[in-house]
Amino acid sequence: CVASGRNAARVDRDIERGKKAGAQGTPSYF
C-alpha cells in the first residue's frame, strides 16, 4: 500500500475539498 501510493489521490481530494471550502491551514474543522 505504501509503495503503490494508491491513496495519494484520496489525500489530494481531501486537500482540494478543504481548500475549496476555504481552509488554509491545520487544524481546521467543520
PDB file of all heavy atoms in Angstrom:
ATOM      1  N   CYS A   1       0.833  -1.203   0.000  1.00  0.00           N
ATOM      2  CA  CYS A   1       0.000   0.000   0.000  1.00  0.00           C
ATOM      3  C   CYS A   1       0.869   1.256   0.000  1.00  0.00           C
ATOM      4  O   CYS A   1       0.651   2.175  -0.795  1.00  0.00           O
ATOM      5  CB  CYS A   1      -0.932  -0.013   1.210  1.00  0.00           C
ATOM      6  SG  CYS A   1      -1.959   1.460   1.345  1.00  0.00           S
ATOM      7  N   VAL A   2       1.871   1.301   0.876  1.00  0.00           N
ATOM      8  CA  VAL A   2       2.740   2.475   0.957  1.00  0.00           C
ATOM      9  C   VAL A   2       3.531   2.651  -0.344  1.00  0.00           C
ATOM     10  O   VAL A   2       3.605   3.751  -0.889  1.00  0.00           O
ATOM     11  CB  VAL A   2       3.701   2.367   2.168  1.00  0.00           C
ATOM     12  CG1 VAL A   2       4.745   3.480   2.142  1.00  0.00           C
ATOM     13  CG2 VAL A   2       2.913   2.427   3.470  1.00  0.00           C
ATOM     14  N   ALA A   3       4.072   1.554  -0.866  1.00  0.00           N
ATOM     15  CA  ALA A   3       4.887   1.627  -2.081  1.00  0.00           C
ATOM     16  C   ALA A   3       4.071   2.051  -3.304  1.00  0.00           C
ATOM     17  O   ALA A   3       4.573   2.757  -4.179  1.00  0.00           O
ATOM     18  CB  ALA A   3       5.562   0.277  -2.347  1.00  0.00           C
ATOM     19  N   SER A   4       2.807   1.646  -3.347  1.00  0.00           N
ATOM     20  CA  SER A   4       1.982   1.931  -4.529  1.00  0.00           C
ATOM     21  C   SER A   4       1.544   3.384  -4.620  1.00  0.00           C
ATOM     22  O   SER A   4       1.284   3.878  -5.705  1.00  0.00           O
ATOM     23  CB  SER A   4       0.732   1.051  -4.528  1.00  0.00           C
ATOM     24  OG  SER A   4      -0.191   1.515  -3.554  1.00  0.00           O
ATOM     25  N   GLY A   5       1.436   4.058  -3.492  1.00  0.00           N
ATOM     26  CA  GLY A   5       0.940   5.428  -3.494  1.00  0.00           C
ATOM     27  C   GLY A   5      -0.525   5.526  -3.876  1.00  0.00           C
ATOM     28  O   GLY A   5      -1.022   6.602  -4.211  1.00  0.00           O
ATOM     29  N   ARG A   6      -1.252   4.423  -3.783  1.00  0.00           N
ATOM     30  CA  ARG A   6      -2.641   4.401  -4.263  1.00  0.00           C
ATOM     31  C   ARG A   6      -3.593   5.295  -3.473  1.00  0.00           C
ATOM     32  O   ARG A   6      -4.673   5.600  -3.950  1.00  0.00           O
ATOM     33  CB  ARG A   6      -3.161   2.969  -4.336  1.00  0.00           C
ATOM     34  CG  ARG A   6      -3.316   2.276  -3.009  1.00  0.00           C
ATOM     35  CD  ARG A   6      -3.882   0.864  -3.194  1.00  0.00           C
ATOM     36  NE  ARG A   6      -3.902   0.145  -1.955  1.00  0.00           N
ATOM     37  CZ  ARG A   6      -3.178  -0.935  -1.697  1.00  0.00           C
ATOM     38  NH1 ARG A   6      -2.385  -1.415  -2.615  1.00  0.00           N
ATOM     39  NH2 ARG A   6      -3.254  -1.515  -0.539  1.00  0.00           N
ATOM     40  N   ASN A   7      -3.196   5.705  -2.288  1.00  0.00           N
ATOM     41  CA  ASN A   7      -4.074   6.597  -1.523  1.00  0.00           C
ATOM     42  C   ASN A   7      -3.725   8.065  -1.702  1.00  0.00           C
ATOM     43  O   ASN A   7      -4.370   8.932  -1.122  1.00  0.00           O
ATOM     44  CB  ASN A   7      -4.058   6.207  -0.038  1.00  0.00           C
ATOM     45  CG  ASN A   7      -4.812   4.931   0.201  1.00  0.00           C
ATOM     46  OD1 ASN A   7      -5.977   4.816  -0.190  1.00  0.00           O
ATOM     47  ND2 ASN A   7      -4.163   3.945   0.798  1.00  0.00           N
ATOM     48  N   ALA A   8      -2.712   8.350  -2.514  1.00  0.00           N
ATOM     49  CA  ALA A   8      -2.313   9.741  -2.757  1.00  0.00           C
ATOM     50  C   ALA A   8      -3.467  10.545  -3.360  1.00  0.00           C
ATOM     51  O   ALA A   8      -3.674  11.706  -3.006  1.00  0.00           O
ATOM     52  CB  ALA A   8      -1.091   9.794  -3.658  1.00  0.00           C
ATOM     53  N   ALA A   9      -4.236   9.922  -4.244  1.00  0.00           N
ATOM     54  CA  ALA A   9      -5.364  10.626  -4.869  1.00  0.00           C
ATOM     55  C   ALA A   9      -6.409  11.007  -3.822  1.00  0.00           C
ATOM     56  O   ALA A   9      -7.014  12.075  -3.909  1.00  0.00           O
ATOM     57  CB  ALA A   9      -5.991   9.768  -5.964  1.00  0.00           C
ATOM     58  N   ARG A  10      -6.612  10.146  -2.826  1.00  0.00           N
ATOM     59  CA  ARG A  10      -7.586  10.462  -1.774  1.00  0.00           C
ATOM     60  C   ARG A  10      -7.099  11.649  -0.945  1.00  0.00           C
ATOM     61  O   ARG A  10      -7.881  12.541  -0.610  1.00  0.00           O
ATOM     62  CB  ARG A  10      -7.837   9.242  -0.892  1.00  0.00           C
ATOM     63  CG  ARG A  10      -8.884   9.543   0.157  1.00  0.00           C
ATOM     64  CD  ARG A  10      -9.438   8.358   0.859  1.00  0.00           C
ATOM     65  NE  ARG A  10      -8.426   7.505   1.438  1.00  0.00           N
ATOM     66  CZ  ARG A  10      -8.707   6.398   2.101  1.00  0.00           C
ATOM     67  NH1 ARG A  10      -9.958   6.013   2.241  1.00  0.00           N
ATOM     68  NH2 ARG A  10      -7.759   5.672   2.619  1.00  0.00           N
ATOM     69  N   VAL A  11      -5.803  11.687  -0.630  1.00  0.00           N
ATOM     70  CA  VAL A  11      -5.259  12.820   0.115  1.00  0.00           C
ATOM     71  C   VAL A  11      -5.379  14.093  -0.722  1.00  0.00           C
ATOM     72  O   VAL A  11      -5.785  15.139  -0.216  1.00  0.00           O
ATOM     73  CB  VAL A  11      -3.795  12.562   0.536  1.00  0.00           C
ATOM     74  CG1 VAL A  11      -3.173  13.813   1.158  1.00  0.00           C
ATOM     75  CG2 VAL A  11      -3.725  11.397   1.514  1.00  0.00           C
ATOM     76  N   ASP A  12      -5.057  13.997  -2.023  1.00  0.00           N
ATOM     77  CA  ASP A  12      -5.199  15.163  -2.909  1.00  0.00           C
ATOM     78  C   ASP A  12      -6.644  15.661  -2.929  1.00  0.00           C
ATOM     79  O   ASP A  12      -6.895  16.865  -2.918  1.00  0.00           O
ATOM     80  CB  ASP A  12      -4.751  14.821  -4.331  1.00  0.00           C
ATOM     81  CG  ASP A  12      -3.244  14.612  -4.439  1.00  0.00           C
ATOM     82  OD1 ASP A  12      -2.509  15.021  -3.513  1.00  0.00           O
ATOM     83  OD2 ASP A  12      -2.812  14.023  -5.457  1.00  0.00           O
ATOM     84  N   ARG A  13      -7.595  14.739  -2.936  1.00  0.00           N
ATOM     85  CA  ARG A  13      -9.019  15.109  -2.936  1.00  0.00           C
ATOM     86  C   ARG A  13      -9.386  15.794  -1.610  1.00  0.00           C
ATOM     87  O   ARG A  13     -10.116  16.773  -1.594  1.00  0.00           O
ATOM     88  CB  ARG A  13      -9.878  13.870  -3.190  1.00  0.00           C
ATOM     89  CG  ARG A  13     -11.346  14.175  -3.404  1.00  0.00           C
ATOM     90  CD  ARG A  13     -12.145  12.955  -3.846  1.00  0.00           C
ATOM     91  NE  ARG A  13     -11.944  11.780  -3.008  1.00  0.00           N
ATOM     92  CZ  ARG A  13     -11.354  10.641  -3.402  1.00  0.00           C
ATOM     93  NH1 ARG A  13     -10.890  10.515  -4.626  1.00  0.00           N
ATOM     94  NH2 ARG A  13     -11.216   9.630  -2.578  1.00  0.00           N
ATOM     95  N   ASP A  14      -8.855  15.273  -0.507  1.00  0.00           N
ATOM     96  CA  ASP A  14      -9.114  15.894   0.797  1.00  0.00           C
ATOM     97  C   ASP A  14      -8.591  17.328   0.820  1.00  0.00           C
ATOM     98  O   ASP A  14      -9.273  18.248   1.287  1.00  0.00           O
ATOM     99  CB  ASP A  14      -8.442  15.100   1.923  1.00  0.00           C
ATOM    100  CG  ASP A  14      -9.072  13.740   2.172  1.00  0.00           C
ATOM    101  OD1 ASP A  14     -10.137  13.449   1.584  1.00  0.00           O
ATOM    102  OD2 ASP A  14      -8.480  12.960   2.944  1.00  0.00           O
ATOM    103  N   ILE A  15      -7.387  17.522   0.299  1.00  0.00           N
ATOM    104  CA  ILE A  15      -6.791  18.861   0.267  1.00  0.00           C
ATOM    105  C   ILE A  15      -7.643  19.786  -0.599  1.00  0.00           C
ATOM    106  O   ILE A  15      -7.956  20.921  -0.207  1.00  0.00           O
ATOM    107  CB  ILE A  15      -5.346  18.794  -0.268  1.00  0.00           C
ATOM    108  CG1 ILE A  15      -4.450  18.057   0.728  1.00  0.00           C
ATOM    109  CG2 ILE A  15      -4.806  20.193  -0.542  1.00  0.00           C
ATOM    110  CD1 ILE A  15      -3.082  17.689   0.174  1.00  0.00           C
ATOM    111  N   GLU A  16      -8.032  19.312  -1.772  1.00  0.00           N
ATOM    112  CA  GLU A  16      -8.816  20.140  -2.700  1.00  0.00           C
ATOM    113  C   GLU A  16     -10.161  20.535  -2.092  1.00  0.00           C
ATOM    114  O   GLU A  16     -10.579  21.688  -2.182  1.00  0.00           O
ATOM    115  CB  GLU A  16      -9.012  19.411  -4.027  1.00  0.00           C
ATOM    116  CG  GLU A  16      -9.554  20.292  -5.114  1.00  0.00           C
ATOM    117  CD  GLU A  16      -8.696  21.516  -5.388  1.00  0.00           C
ATOM    118  OE1 GLU A  16      -7.460  21.438  -5.337  1.00  0.00           O
ATOM    119  OE2 GLU A  16      -9.282  22.593  -5.646  1.00  0.00           O
ATOM    120  N   ARG A  17     -10.850  19.592  -1.462  1.00  0.00           N
ATOM    121  CA  ARG A  17     -12.152  19.904  -0.847  1.00  0.00           C
ATOM    122  C   ARG A  17     -11.982  20.903   0.298  1.00  0.00           C
ATOM    123  O   ARG A  17     -12.780  21.814   0.460  1.00  0.00           O
ATOM    124  CB  ARG A  17     -12.825  18.641  -0.349  1.00  0.00           C
ATOM    125  CG  ARG A  17     -13.243  17.721  -1.459  1.00  0.00           C
ATOM    126  CD  ARG A  17     -14.618  17.174  -1.196  1.00  0.00           C
ATOM    127  NE  ARG A  17     -14.865  16.060  -2.086  1.00  0.00           N
ATOM    128  CZ  ARG A  17     -15.549  16.141  -3.208  1.00  0.00           C
ATOM    129  NH1 ARG A  17     -16.056  17.288  -3.583  1.00  0.00           N
ATOM    130  NH2 ARG A  17     -15.745  15.083  -3.960  1.00  0.00           N
ATOM    131  N   GLY A  18     -10.947  20.710   1.111  1.00  0.00           N
ATOM    132  CA  GLY A  18     -10.699  21.645   2.205  1.00  0.00           C
ATOM    133  C   GLY A  18     -10.415  23.049   1.692  1.00  0.00           C
ATOM    134  O   GLY A  18     -10.958  24.029   2.200  1.00  0.00           O
ATOM    135  N   LYS A  19      -9.569  23.150   0.665  1.00  0.00           N
ATOM    136  CA  LYS A  19      -9.253  24.460   0.077  1.00  0.00           C
ATOM    137  C   LYS A  19     -10.490  25.102  -0.530  1.00  0.00           C
ATOM    138  O   LYS A  19     -10.709  26.305  -0.391  1.00  0.00           O
ATOM    139  CB  LYS A  19      -8.174  24.312  -0.996  1.00  0.00           C
ATOM    140  CG  LYS A  19      -6.790  24.109  -0.458  1.00  0.00           C
ATOM    141  CD  LYS A  19      -5.801  24.011  -1.614  1.00  0.00           C
ATOM    142  CE  LYS A  19      -4.387  23.833  -1.124  1.00  0.00           C
ATOM    143  NZ  LYS A  19      -3.447  23.685  -2.252  1.00  0.00           N
ATOM    144  N   LYS A  20     -11.289  24.290  -1.217  1.00  0.00           N
ATOM    145  CA  LYS A  20     -12.499  24.819  -1.854  1.00  0.00           C
ATOM    146  C   LYS A  20     -13.448  25.423  -0.821  1.00  0.00           C
ATOM    147  O   LYS A  20     -14.126  26.412  -1.090  1.00  0.00           O
ATOM    148  CB  LYS A  20     -13.200  23.704  -2.635  1.00  0.00           C
ATOM    149  CG  LYS A  20     -14.349  24.182  -3.474  1.00  0.00           C
ATOM    150  CD  LYS A  20     -14.920  23.045  -4.300  1.00  0.00           C
ATOM    151  CE  LYS A  20     -16.097  23.539  -5.132  1.00  0.00           C
ATOM    152  NZ  LYS A  20     -16.678  22.460  -5.924  1.00  0.00           N
ATOM    153  N   ALA A  21     -13.451  24.833   0.369  1.00  0.00           N
ATOM    154  CA  ALA A  21     -14.301  25.361   1.436  1.00  0.00           C
ATOM    155  C   ALA A  21     -13.634  26.521   2.167  1.00  0.00           C
ATOM    156  O   ALA A  21     -14.251  27.131   3.041  1.00  0.00           O
ATOM    157  CB  ALA A  21     -14.661  24.252   2.417  1.00  0.00           C
ATOM    158  N   GLY A  22     -12.376  26.822   1.828  1.00  0.00           N
ATOM    159  CA  GLY A  22     -11.720  27.982   2.417  1.00  0.00           C
ATOM    160  C   GLY A  22     -10.666  27.687   3.459  1.00  0.00           C
ATOM    161  O   GLY A  22     -10.024  28.603   3.955  1.00  0.00           O
ATOM    162  N   ALA A  23     -10.465  26.445   3.821  1.00  0.00           N
ATOM    163  CA  ALA A  23      -9.444  26.123   4.820  1.00  0.00           C
ATOM    164  C   ALA A  23      -8.067  26.391   4.230  1.00  0.00           C
ATOM    165  O   ALA A  23      -7.811  26.098   3.069  1.00  0.00           O
ATOM    166  CB  ALA A  23      -9.561  24.666   5.249  1.00  0.00           C
ATOM    167  N   GLN A  24      -7.200  26.981   5.052  1.00  0.00           N
ATOM    168  CA  GLN A  24      -5.854  27.290   4.589  1.00  0.00           C
ATOM    169  C   GLN A  24      -4.776  26.724   5.492  1.00  0.00           C
ATOM    170  O   GLN A  24      -3.599  26.881   5.211  1.00  0.00           O
ATOM    171  CB  GLN A  24      -5.676  28.800   4.469  1.00  0.00           C
ATOM    172  CG  GLN A  24      -6.551  29.399   3.407  1.00  0.00           C
ATOM    173  CD  GLN A  24      -6.286  30.881   3.244  1.00  0.00           C
ATOM    174  OE1 GLN A  24      -5.593  31.503   4.036  1.00  0.00           O
ATOM    175  NE2 GLN A  24      -6.856  31.451   2.205  1.00  0.00           N
ATOM    176  N   GLY A  25      -5.148  26.125   6.577  1.00  0.00           N
ATOM    177  CA  GLY A  25      -4.153  25.589   7.490  1.00  0.00           C
ATOM    178  C   GLY A  25      -4.763  24.541   8.387  1.00  0.00           C
ATOM    179  O   GLY A  25      -5.948  24.226   8.293  1.00  0.00           O
ATOM    180  N   THR A  26      -3.906  24.002   9.235  1.00  0.00           N
ATOM    181  CA  THR A  26      -4.346  22.966  10.158  1.00  0.00           C
ATOM    182  C   THR A  26      -4.029  23.384  11.583  1.00  0.00           C
ATOM    183  O   THR A  26      -3.086  24.143  11.802  1.00  0.00           O
ATOM    184  CB  THR A  26      -3.645  21.629   9.859  1.00  0.00           C
ATOM    185  OG1 THR A  26      -2.236  21.818   9.959  1.00  0.00           O
ATOM    186  CG2 THR A  26      -4.028  21.088   8.511  1.00  0.00           C
ATOM    187  N   PRO A  27      -4.800  22.906  12.522  1.00  0.00           N
ATOM    188  CA  PRO A  27      -6.031  22.157  12.295  1.00  0.00           C
ATOM    189  C   PRO A  27      -7.180  23.094  11.912  1.00  0.00           C
ATOM    190  O   PRO A  27      -7.250  24.234  12.354  1.00  0.00           O
ATOM    191  CB  PRO A  27      -6.305  21.497  13.645  1.00  0.00           C
ATOM    192  CG  PRO A  27      -5.689  22.424  14.656  1.00  0.00           C
ATOM    193  CD  PRO A  27      -4.494  23.039  13.957  1.00  0.00           C
ATOM    194  N   SER A  28      -8.034  22.589  11.072  1.00  0.00           N
ATOM    195  CA  SER A  28      -9.288  23.259  10.725  1.00  0.00           C
ATOM    196  C   SER A  28     -10.395  22.228  10.882  1.00  0.00           C
ATOM    197  O   SER A  28     -10.135  21.029  10.841  1.00  0.00           O
ATOM    198  CB  SER A  28      -9.281  23.755   9.277  1.00  0.00           C
ATOM    199  OG  SER A  28      -8.338  24.777   9.096  1.00  0.00           O
ATOM    200  N   TYR A  29     -11.594  22.691  11.059  1.00  0.00           N
ATOM    201  CA  TYR A  29     -12.696  21.746  11.177  1.00  0.00           C
ATOM    202  C   TYR A  29     -13.985  22.392  10.695  1.00  0.00           C
ATOM    203  O   TYR A  29     -14.098  23.612  10.585  1.00  0.00           O
ATOM    204  CB  TYR A  29     -12.842  21.235  12.617  1.00  0.00           C
ATOM    205  CG  TYR A  29     -13.124  22.321  13.630  1.00  0.00           C
ATOM    206  CD1 TYR A  29     -14.425  22.677  13.945  1.00  0.00           C
ATOM    207  CD2 TYR A  29     -12.091  22.985  14.271  1.00  0.00           C
ATOM    208  CE1 TYR A  29     -14.684  23.682  14.850  1.00  0.00           C
ATOM    209  CE2 TYR A  29     -12.342  23.981  15.185  1.00  0.00           C
ATOM    210  CZ  TYR A  29     -13.642  24.333  15.482  1.00  0.00           C
ATOM    211  OH  TYR A  29     -13.900  25.332  16.383  1.00  0.00           O
ATOM    212  N   PHE A  30     -14.922  21.537  10.380  1.00  0.00           N
ATOM    213  CA  PHE A  30     -16.271  21.961  10.001  1.00  0.00           C
ATOM    214  C   PHE A  30     -17.224  21.246  10.941  1.00  0.00           C
ATOM    215  O   PHE A  30     -17.286  20.022  10.961  1.00  0.00           O
ATOM    216  CB  PHE A  30     -16.567  21.615   8.534  1.00  0.00           C
ATOM    217  CG  PHE A  30     -15.738  22.421   7.584  1.00  0.00           C
ATOM    218  CD1 PHE A  30     -14.476  21.990   7.205  1.00  0.00           C
ATOM    219  CD2 PHE A  30     -16.217  23.631   7.091  1.00  0.00           C
ATOM    220  CE1 PHE A  30     -13.698  22.757   6.343  1.00  0.00           C
ATOM    221  CE2 PHE A  30     -15.435  24.391   6.225  1.00  0.00           C
ATOM    222  CZ  PHE A  30     -14.183  23.945   5.856  1.00  0.00           C
TER     223      PHE A  30
END
